[in-house]
PDB file of N, CA and C in Angstrom:
ATOM      1  N   MET A   1       0.848  -1.157  -0.009  1.00  0.00           N
ATOM      2  CA  MET A   1       0.015   0.007  -0.010  1.00  0.00           C
ATOM      3  C   MET A   1       0.899   1.242   0.000  1.00  0.00           C
ATOM      4  N   ASP A   2       0.658   2.132  -0.932  1.00  0.00           N
ATOM      5  CA  ASP A   2       1.481   3.316  -1.007  1.00  0.00           C
ATOM      6  C   ASP A   2       0.690   4.546  -0.574  1.00  0.00           C
ATOM      7  N   THR A   3       1.354   5.682  -0.620  1.00  0.00           N
ATOM      8  CA  THR A   3       0.775   6.926  -0.117  1.00  0.00           C
ATOM      9  C   THR A   3      -0.452   7.366  -0.932  1.00  0.00           C
ATOM     10  N   SER A   4      -0.410   7.171  -2.245  1.00  0.00           N
ATOM     11  CA  SER A   4      -1.527   7.622  -3.077  1.00  0.00           C
ATOM     12  C   SER A   4      -2.794   6.784  -2.758  1.00  0.00           C
ATOM     13  N   THR A   5      -2.640   5.505  -2.499  1.00  0.00           N
ATOM     14  CA  THR A   5      -3.757   4.670  -2.158  1.00  0.00           C
ATOM     15  C   THR A   5      -4.385   5.103  -0.834  1.00  0.00           C
ATOM     16  N   LEU A   6      -3.534   5.432   0.134  1.00  0.00           N
ATOM     17  CA  LEU A   6      -4.028   5.928   1.409  1.00  0.00           C
ATOM     18  C   LEU A   6      -4.760   7.242   1.248  1.00  0.00           C
ATOM     19  N   PHE A   7      -4.212   8.163   0.449  1.00  0.00           N
ATOM     20  CA  PHE A   7      -4.851   9.447   0.225  1.00  0.00           C
ATOM     21  C   PHE A   7      -6.215   9.310  -0.424  1.00  0.00           C
ATOM     22  N   TRP A   8      -6.273   8.521  -1.495  1.00  0.00           N
ATOM     23  CA  TRP A   8      -7.554   8.338  -2.211  1.00  0.00           C
ATOM     24  C   TRP A   8      -8.546   7.607  -1.331  1.00  0.00           C
ATOM     25  N   GLY A   9      -8.084   6.656  -0.544  1.00  0.00           N
ATOM     26  CA  GLY A   9      -8.977   5.953   0.370  1.00  0.00           C
ATOM     27  C   GLY A   9      -9.532   6.886   1.434  1.00  0.00           C
ATOM     28  N   LEU A  10      -8.701   7.793   1.972  1.00  0.00           N
ATOM     29  CA  LEU A  10      -9.179   8.772   2.924  1.00  0.00           C
ATOM     30  C   LEU A  10     -10.188   9.715   2.275  1.00  0.00           C
ATOM     31  N   LEU A  11      -9.922  10.153   1.067  1.00  0.00           N
ATOM     32  CA  LEU A  11     -10.809  11.078   0.373  1.00  0.00           C
ATOM     33  C   LEU A  11     -12.165  10.451   0.111  1.00  0.00           C
ATOM     34  N   PHE A  12     -12.160   9.244  -0.466  1.00  0.00           N
ATOM     35  CA  PHE A  12     -13.427   8.585  -0.773  1.00  0.00           C
ATOM     36  C   PHE A  12     -14.170   8.147   0.494  1.00  0.00           C
ATOM     37  N   GLY A  13     -13.446   7.785   1.537  1.00  0.00           N
ATOM     38  CA  GLY A  13     -14.062   7.454   2.791  1.00  0.00           C
ATOM     39  C   GLY A  13     -14.754   8.648   3.420  1.00  0.00           C
ATOM     40  N   SER A  14     -14.146   9.817   3.307  1.00  0.00           N
ATOM     41  CA  SER A  14     -14.733  11.066   3.835  1.00  0.00           C
ATOM     42  C   SER A  14     -15.991  11.464   3.032  1.00  0.00           C
ATOM     43  N   ILE A  15     -15.900  11.361   1.729  1.00  0.00           N
ATOM     44  CA  ILE A  15     -17.067  11.644   0.903  1.00  0.00           C
ATOM     45  C   ILE A  15     -18.196  10.638   1.216  1.00  0.00           C
ATOM     46  N   GLY A  16     -17.825   9.376   1.427  1.00  0.00           N
ATOM     47  CA  GLY A  16     -18.774   8.339   1.769  1.00  0.00           C
ATOM     48  C   GLY A  16     -19.476   8.638   3.098  1.00  0.00           C
ATOM     49  N   LEU A  17     -18.705   9.130   4.063  1.00  0.00           N
ATOM     50  CA  LEU A  17     -19.309   9.502   5.367  1.00  0.00           C
ATOM     51  C   LEU A  17     -20.303  10.631   5.177  1.00  0.00           C
ATOM     52  N   GLY A  18     -19.979  11.588   4.337  1.00  0.00           N
ATOM     53  CA  GLY A  18     -20.922  12.657   4.057  1.00  0.00           C
ATOM     54  C   GLY A  18     -22.187  12.186   3.401  1.00  0.00           C
ATOM     55  N   PHE A  19     -22.049  11.291   2.421  1.00  0.00           N
ATOM     56  CA  PHE A  19     -23.242  10.737   1.764  1.00  0.00           C
ATOM     57  C   PHE A  19     -24.052   9.890   2.767  1.00  0.00           C
ATOM     58  N   PHE A  20     -23.378   9.151   3.638  1.00  0.00           N
ATOM     59  CA  PHE A  20     -24.081   8.311   4.600  1.00  0.00           C
ATOM     60  C   PHE A  20     -24.895   9.162   5.570  1.00  0.00           C
ATOM     61  N   VAL A  21     -24.305  10.223   6.089  1.00  0.00           N
ATOM     62  CA  VAL A  21     -25.011  11.084   7.036  1.00  0.00           C
ATOM     63  C   VAL A  21     -26.161  11.791   6.343  1.00  0.00           C
ATOM     64  N   TYR A  22     -25.920  12.270   5.130  1.00  0.00           N
ATOM     65  CA  TYR A  22     -27.016  12.946   4.365  1.00  0.00           C
ATOM     66  C   TYR A  22     -28.158  11.961   4.091  1.00  0.00           C
ATOM     67  N   GLY A  23     -27.842  10.759   3.649  1.00  0.00           N
ATOM     68  CA  GLY A  23     -28.867   9.748   3.361  1.00  0.00           C
ATOM     69  C   GLY A  23     -29.652   9.345   4.586  1.00  0.00           C
ATOM     70  N   ARG A  24     -28.981   9.257   5.730  1.00  0.00           N
ATOM     71  CA  ARG A  24     -29.657   8.848   6.956  1.00  0.00           C
ATOM     72  C   ARG A  24     -30.579   9.961   7.438  1.00  0.00           C
ATOM     73  N   ARG A  25     -30.147  11.203   7.388  1.00  0.00           N
ATOM     74  CA  ARG A  25     -30.965  12.322   7.874  1.00  0.00           C
ATOM     75  C   ARG A  25     -32.162  12.604   6.943  1.00  0.00           C
ATOM     76  N   GLN A  26     -31.962  12.449   5.639  1.00  0.00           N
ATOM     77  CA  GLN A  26     -33.023  12.732   4.700  1.00  0.00           C
ATOM     78  C   GLN A  26     -33.875  11.475   4.429  1.00  0.00           C
ATOM     79  N   LYS A  27     -33.453  10.342   4.966  1.00  0.00           N
ATOM     80  CA  LYS A  27     -34.162   9.068   4.750  1.00  0.00           C
ATOM     81  C   LYS A  27     -34.215   8.701   3.264  1.00  0.00           C
ATOM     82  N   MET A  28     -33.063   8.855   2.614  1.00  0.00           N
ATOM     83  CA  MET A  28     -32.902   8.530   1.195  1.00  0.00           C
ATOM     84  C   MET A  28     -31.974   7.335   1.064  1.00  0.00           C
ATOM     85  N   VAL A  29     -32.405   6.315   0.327  1.00  0.00           N
ATOM     86  CA  VAL A  29     -31.679   5.065   0.252  1.00  0.00           C
ATOM     87  C   VAL A  29     -30.406   5.153  -0.601  1.00  0.00           C
ATOM     88  N   VAL A  30     -30.478   5.838  -1.741  1.00  0.00           N
ATOM     89  CA  VAL A  30     -29.330   5.830  -2.662  1.00  0.00           C
ATOM     90  C   VAL A  30     -28.118   6.489  -2.061  1.00  0.00           C
ATOM     91  N   PRO A  31     -28.228   7.711  -1.463  1.00  0.00           N
ATOM     92  CA  PRO A  31     -26.993   8.268  -0.834  1.00  0.00           C
ATOM     93  C   PRO A  31     -26.499   7.475   0.350  1.00  0.00           C
ATOM     94  N   LEU A  32     -27.411   6.847   1.081  1.00  0.00           N
ATOM     95  CA  LEU A  32     -27.023   6.044   2.219  1.00  0.00           C
ATOM     96  C   LEU A  32     -26.209   4.838   1.805  1.00  0.00           C
ATOM     97  N   LEU A  33     -26.678   4.082   0.795  1.00  0.00           N
ATOM     98  CA  LEU A  33     -25.930   2.925   0.314  1.00  0.00           C
ATOM     99  C   LEU A  33     -24.659   3.302  -0.411  1.00  0.00           C
ATOM    100  N   THR A  34     -24.680   4.431  -1.121  1.00  0.00           N
ATOM    101  CA  THR A  34     -23.470   4.888  -1.797  1.00  0.00           C
ATOM    102  C   THR A  34     -22.427   5.272  -0.753  1.00  0.00           C
ATOM    103  N   GLY A  35     -22.852   5.895   0.312  1.00  0.00           N
ATOM    104  CA  GLY A  35     -21.928   6.236   1.383  1.00  0.00           C
ATOM    105  C   GLY A  35     -21.278   5.029   2.016  1.00  0.00           C
ATOM    106  N   VAL A  36     -22.073   4.006   2.257  1.00  0.00           N
ATOM    107  CA  VAL A  36     -21.532   2.768   2.813  1.00  0.00           C
ATOM    108  C   VAL A  36     -20.554   2.127   1.833  1.00  0.00           C
ATOM    109  N   ALA A  37     -20.896   2.139   0.564  1.00  0.00           N
ATOM    110  CA  ALA A  37     -20.014   1.537  -0.453  1.00  0.00           C
ATOM    111  C   ALA A  37     -18.695   2.306  -0.549  1.00  0.00           C
ATOM    112  N   LEU A  38     -18.761   3.658  -0.464  1.00  0.00           N
ATOM    113  CA  LEU A  38     -17.533   4.439  -0.534  1.00  0.00           C
ATOM    114  C   LEU A  38     -16.663   4.251   0.718  1.00  0.00           C
ATOM    115  N   MET A  39     -17.280   4.016   1.860  1.00  0.00           N
ATOM    116  CA  MET A  39     -16.482   3.811   3.049  1.00  0.00           C
ATOM    117  C   MET A  39     -15.830   2.430   3.064  1.00  0.00           C
ATOM    118  N   ILE A  40     -16.454   1.452   2.443  1.00  0.00           N
ATOM    119  CA  ILE A  40     -15.896   0.085   2.420  1.00  0.00           C
ATOM    120  C   ILE A  40     -14.912  -0.099   1.265  1.00  0.00           C
ATOM    121  N   LEU A  41     -15.082   0.667   0.200  1.00  0.00           N
ATOM    122  CA  LEU A  41     -14.299   0.510  -1.019  1.00  0.00           C
ATOM    123  C   LEU A  41     -12.766   0.471  -0.795  1.00  0.00           C
ATOM    124  N   PRO A  42     -12.166   1.385   0.000  1.00  0.00           N
ATOM    125  CA  PRO A  42     -10.706   1.352   0.160  1.00  0.00           C
ATOM    126  C   PRO A  42     -10.199   0.094   0.820  1.00  0.00           C
ATOM    127  N   TYR A  43     -11.044  -0.602   1.597  1.00  0.00           N
ATOM    128  CA  TYR A  43     -10.608  -1.858   2.242  1.00  0.00           C
ATOM    129  C   TYR A  43     -10.573  -2.991   1.234  1.00  0.00           C
ATOM    130  N   CYS A  44     -11.385  -2.925   0.204  1.00  0.00           N
ATOM    131  CA  CYS A  44     -11.519  -4.040  -0.738  1.00  0.00           C
ATOM    132  C   CYS A  44     -10.639  -3.900  -1.972  1.00  0.00           C
ATOM    133  N   VAL A  45     -10.261  -2.708  -2.349  1.00  0.00           N
ATOM    134  CA  VAL A  45      -9.493  -2.480  -3.567  1.00  0.00           C
ATOM    135  C   VAL A  45      -8.103  -1.980  -3.212  1.00  0.00           C
ATOM    136  N   SER A  46      -7.070  -2.651  -3.725  1.00  0.00           N
ATOM    137  CA  SER A  46      -5.699  -2.219  -3.416  1.00  0.00           C
ATOM    138  C   SER A  46      -5.033  -1.520  -4.561  1.00  0.00           C
ATOM    139  N   ASN A  47      -5.586  -1.634  -5.765  1.00  0.00           N
ATOM    140  CA  ASN A  47      -5.030  -0.964  -6.952  1.00  0.00           C
ATOM    141  C   ASN A  47      -5.491   0.500  -6.963  1.00  0.00           C
ATOM    142  N   THR A  48      -4.570   1.417  -7.063  1.00  0.00           N
ATOM    143  CA  THR A  48      -4.882   2.831  -6.967  1.00  0.00           C
ATOM    144  C   THR A  48      -5.762   3.298  -8.126  1.00  0.00           C
ATOM    145  N   ILE A  49      -5.455   2.871  -9.323  1.00  0.00           N
ATOM    146  CA  ILE A  49      -6.248   3.317 -10.479  1.00  0.00           C
ATOM    147  C   ILE A  49      -7.658   2.793 -10.383  1.00  0.00           C
ATOM    148  N   LEU A  50      -7.819   1.536 -10.034  1.00  0.00           N
ATOM    149  CA  LEU A  50      -9.156   0.963  -9.872  1.00  0.00           C
ATOM    150  C   LEU A  50      -9.917   1.641  -8.738  1.00  0.00           C
ATOM    151  N   LEU A  51      -9.239   1.993  -7.672  1.00  0.00           N
ATOM    152  CA  LEU A  51      -9.843   2.716  -6.548  1.00  0.00           C
ATOM    153  C   LEU A  51     -10.406   4.041  -7.003  1.00  0.00           C
ATOM    154  N   VAL A  52      -9.625   4.787  -7.780  1.00  0.00           N
ATOM    155  CA  VAL A  52     -10.081   6.085  -8.256  1.00  0.00           C
ATOM    156  C   VAL A  52     -11.228   5.958  -9.236  1.00  0.00           C
ATOM    157  N   VAL A  53     -11.161   5.000 -10.146  1.00  0.00           N
ATOM    158  CA  VAL A  53     -12.259   4.808 -11.143  1.00  0.00           C
ATOM    159  C   VAL A  53     -13.556   4.417 -10.414  1.00  0.00           C
ATOM    160  N   LEU A  54     -13.486   3.440  -9.538  1.00  0.00           N
ATOM    161  CA  LEU A  54     -14.692   3.025  -8.806  1.00  0.00           C
ATOM    162  C   LEU A  54     -15.194   4.114  -7.863  1.00  0.00           C
ATOM    163  N   GLY A  55     -14.275   4.834  -7.226  1.00  0.00           N
ATOM    164  CA  GLY A  55     -14.677   5.927  -6.359  1.00  0.00           C
ATOM    165  C   GLY A  55     -15.421   7.023  -7.061  1.00  0.00           C
ATOM    166  N   VAL A  56     -14.910   7.440  -8.210  1.00  0.00           N
ATOM    167  CA  VAL A  56     -15.556   8.475  -9.006  1.00  0.00           C
ATOM    168  C   VAL A  56     -16.930   7.983  -9.517  1.00  0.00           C
ATOM    169  N   GLY A  57     -16.971   6.698  -9.866  1.00  0.00           N
ATOM    170  CA  GLY A  57     -18.256   6.114 -10.300  1.00  0.00           C
ATOM    171  C   GLY A  57     -19.270   6.123  -9.186  1.00  0.00           C
ATOM    172  N   PHE A  58     -18.869   5.726  -7.995  1.00  0.00           N
ATOM    173  CA  PHE A  58     -19.797   5.723  -6.864  1.00  0.00           C
ATOM    174  C   PHE A  58     -20.208   7.134  -6.456  1.00  0.00           C
ATOM    175  N   VAL A  59     -19.310   8.108  -6.548  1.00  0.00           N
ATOM    176  CA  VAL A  59     -19.676   9.460  -6.236  1.00  0.00           C
ATOM    177  C   VAL A  59     -20.711  10.018  -7.213  1.00  0.00           C
ATOM    178  N   ALA A  60     -20.656   9.551  -8.463  1.00  0.00           N
ATOM    179  CA  ALA A  60     -21.608  10.028  -9.473  1.00  0.00           C
ATOM    180  C   ALA A  60     -22.996   9.365  -9.366  1.00  0.00           C
ATOM    181  N   VAL A  61     -23.081   8.237  -8.707  1.00  0.00           N
ATOM    182  CA  VAL A  61     -24.371   7.489  -8.634  1.00  0.00           C
ATOM    183  C   VAL A  61     -25.499   8.333  -8.053  1.00  0.00           C
ATOM    184  N   PRO A  62     -25.349   9.011  -6.922  1.00  0.00           N
ATOM    185  CA  PRO A  62     -26.484   9.763  -6.375  1.00  0.00           C
ATOM    186  C   PRO A  62     -26.992  10.923  -7.264  1.00  0.00           C
ATOM    187  N   TYR A  63     -26.136  11.391  -8.135  1.00  0.00           N
ATOM    188  CA  TYR A  63     -26.544  12.495  -9.006  1.00  0.00           C
ATOM    189  C   TYR A  63     -27.341  11.997 -10.192  1.00  0.00           C
ATOM    190  N   PHE A  64     -27.197  10.735 -10.574  1.00  0.00           N
ATOM    191  CA  PHE A  64     -27.906  10.199 -11.699  1.00  0.00           C
ATOM    192  C   PHE A  64     -29.082   9.282 -11.318  1.00  0.00           C
ATOM    193  N   VAL A  65     -29.036   8.719 -10.121  1.00  0.00           N
ATOM    194  CA  VAL A  65     -30.112   7.831  -9.660  1.00  0.00           C
ATOM    195  C   VAL A  65     -30.914   8.544  -8.594  1.00  0.00           C
ATOM    196  N   ARG A  66     -32.134   8.864  -8.897  1.00  0.00           N
ATOM    197  CA  ARG A  66     -33.006   9.558  -7.948  1.00  0.00           C
ATOM    198  C   ARG A  66     -34.085   8.613  -7.500  1.00  0.00           C
ATOM    199  N   MET A  67     -34.154   8.320  -6.209  1.00  0.00           N
ATOM    200  CA  MET A  67     -35.209   7.471  -5.645  1.00  0.00           C
ATOM    201  C   MET A  67     -35.748   8.109  -4.405  1.00  0.00           C
TER     202      MET A  67
END
């Protein structure tokens, strides 16, 4: 694990925490699940490029999926 993986993991984990708190307070399922996925993602993916691609994809999900 290198420094860039730790940085991206911290960034996506923080964004995930924000989505999780927003989804829980507004009682919205999509941001809540996206937040959980973003917080778990750095533990499951060790490749930096894959982490960034999946992280950006998960960040974009709440903007395109409205439920």
